[in-house]
Protein backbone atom coordinates (compact mmCIF):
# COMPACT_ATOMS: atom_id res chain seq x y z
CA MET A 1 -57.94 28.32 -61.53
CA ASN A 2 -55.71 27.66 -58.45
CA ASP A 3 -52.29 26.02 -58.83
CA ARG A 4 -53.19 22.83 -56.88
CA ASN A 5 -55.86 21.90 -59.21
CA PHE A 6 -53.64 22.51 -62.25
CA LEU A 7 -51.02 20.45 -60.63
CA GLU A 8 -53.53 17.73 -60.09
CA ARG A 9 -54.94 17.79 -63.54
CA THR A 10 -51.31 17.70 -64.94
CA LYS A 11 -50.36 14.60 -62.80
CA GLN A 12 -53.58 12.78 -63.76
CA PHE A 13 -52.65 13.69 -67.48
CA ALA A 14 -49.13 12.11 -67.13
CA LEU A 15 -50.48 9.19 -65.28
CA TYR A 16 -53.36 8.44 -67.80
CA LEU A 17 -50.80 9.06 -70.74
CA ALA A 18 -48.34 6.74 -69.14
CA GLU A 19 -50.95 4.04 -68.95
CA LEU A 20 -52.22 4.51 -72.54
CA GLN A 21 -48.70 3.85 -73.76
CA THR A 22 -49.09 0.22 -72.07
CA VAL A 23 -52.28 -0.43 -73.44
CA LEU A 24 -52.68 0.92 -76.76
CA ASP A 25 -50.97 -0.59 -79.88
CA PRO A 26 -47.99 1.58 -81.11
CA GLU A 27 -49.89 2.71 -84.15
CA SER A 28 -52.68 4.03 -82.04
CA TYR A 29 -50.38 5.57 -79.62
CA ALA A 30 -48.31 7.30 -82.05
CA LEU A 31 -51.64 8.85 -83.38
CA LEU A 32 -52.58 9.93 -80.12
CA LEU A 33 -48.91 11.78 -79.41
CA ARG A 34 -49.60 13.41 -82.97
CA ILE A 35 -52.99 14.66 -82.09
CA LEU A 36 -51.72 15.77 -78.58
CA LYS A 37 -49.04 17.74 -80.53
CA GLY A 38 -51.49 19.23 -82.33
CA PHE A 39 -53.34 20.40 -79.00
CA ASN A 40 -50.05 21.82 -77.86
CA GLU A 41 -49.56 23.87 -81.02
CA ALA A 42 -53.37 25.12 -80.36
CA ILE A 43 -52.70 26.06 -76.59
CA VAL A 44 -49.22 27.62 -77.24
CA HIS A 45 -50.24 29.69 -80.28
CA ARG A 46 -53.48 30.48 -78.78
CA GLU A 47 -55.51 29.31 -81.74
CA ASN A 48 -58.97 28.38 -81.79
CA GLY A 49 -58.18 24.96 -83.64
CA VAL A 50 -55.65 23.32 -85.34
CA ASP A 51 -55.94 20.98 -88.44
CA ILE A 52 -54.38 17.73 -88.03
CA PRO A 53 -54.69 15.73 -91.45
CA PHE A 54 -55.27 11.92 -91.16
CA SER A 55 -54.36 9.28 -93.49
CA PRO A 56 -57.06 6.51 -94.73
CA ARG A 57 -55.31 4.25 -92.12
CA GLU A 58 -55.50 6.91 -89.18
CA LYS A 59 -58.98 7.51 -89.81
CA GLU A 60 -59.73 3.77 -89.10
CA LEU A 61 -57.84 4.04 -85.86
CA LEU A 62 -60.40 6.67 -84.86
CA THR A 63 -62.73 4.23 -83.08
CA PRO A 64 -65.52 5.54 -80.58
CA GLU A 65 -62.97 4.15 -77.59
CA PHE A 66 -60.13 6.31 -79.17
CA GLY A 67 -62.42 9.49 -79.17
CA ARG A 68 -63.21 8.54 -75.43
CA VAL A 69 -59.43 8.55 -74.74
CA LEU A 70 -59.11 11.77 -76.54
CA THR A 71 -61.83 13.54 -74.74
CA ARG A 72 -60.54 12.48 -71.33
CA LEU A 73 -56.97 13.60 -72.09
CA ALA A 74 -58.56 17.01 -73.29
CA GLY A 75 -60.61 17.10 -69.99
CA TYR A 76 -57.16 17.43 -68.15
CA LEU A 77 -55.93 20.41 -70.16
CA GLY A 78 -58.18 23.23 -68.53
CA PRO A 79 -61.45 23.92 -66.47
CA HIS A 80 -63.35 23.95 -69.80
CA GLY A 81 -61.06 21.14 -71.44
CA MET A 82 -60.87 21.19 -75.29
CA GLN A 83 -63.07 20.08 -77.86
CA VAL A 84 -62.05 17.54 -80.33
CA VAL A 85 -63.67 17.80 -83.85
CA VAL A 86 -62.71 15.31 -86.63
CA GLY A 87 -63.72 16.68 -90.22
CA THR A 88 -62.58 16.73 -93.76
CA HIS A 89 -61.64 20.59 -93.26
CA GLY A 90 -59.20 21.71 -96.20
CA SER A 91 -59.76 18.62 -98.12
CA PRO A 92 -61.83 18.45 -101.51
CA PRO A 93 -65.60 17.59 -100.94
CA PRO A 94 -66.17 13.83 -100.73
CA ALA A 95 -68.02 12.06 -103.39
CA PRO A 96 -71.64 11.54 -102.19
CA GLU A 97 -71.30 7.84 -101.52
CA HIS A 98 -68.16 8.75 -99.45
CA ASP A 99 -70.10 11.16 -97.26
CA ARG A 100 -71.92 8.47 -95.38
CA SER A 101 -68.81 6.79 -94.32
CA GLU A 102 -67.07 10.09 -93.33
CA VAL A 103 -70.21 11.05 -91.04
CA ASP A 104 -69.95 7.59 -89.30
CA ALA A 105 -66.07 7.85 -88.85
CA ILE A 106 -67.03 11.25 -87.21
CA ALA A 107 -69.62 9.99 -84.88
CA ARG A 108 -67.46 6.90 -84.03
CA ALA A 109 -64.54 9.26 -83.13
CA SER A 110 -66.79 11.13 -81.17
CA GLY A 111 -68.17 8.28 -79.01
CA MET A 112 -71.50 8.04 -80.72
CA SER A 113 -73.41 5.35 -82.80
CA PRO A 114 -73.00 5.99 -86.49
């Protein structure tokens, strides 16, 4: 990776983040910043991943559009970007009737149709 490529990606990241602050509702933007803090922790500590717990309301905010925003931002973070995975790691197993709604939420957050 050369410095010019890094600087250009950093500039694009900052511009897009500033744009998002004006177009996202405050609740979604706050969630986005919390997730980006998790990205930062993973990068700084060279971890393979980081768990970010979501409240039920935050899970509702994880729409396909929000997933596309995260994917785009993650793409600016390196030549290979970062992968965003939403799951229930660390939580007790959901009840069987809850499984389908969790799978649907994960699909929506990933930009796929449930």
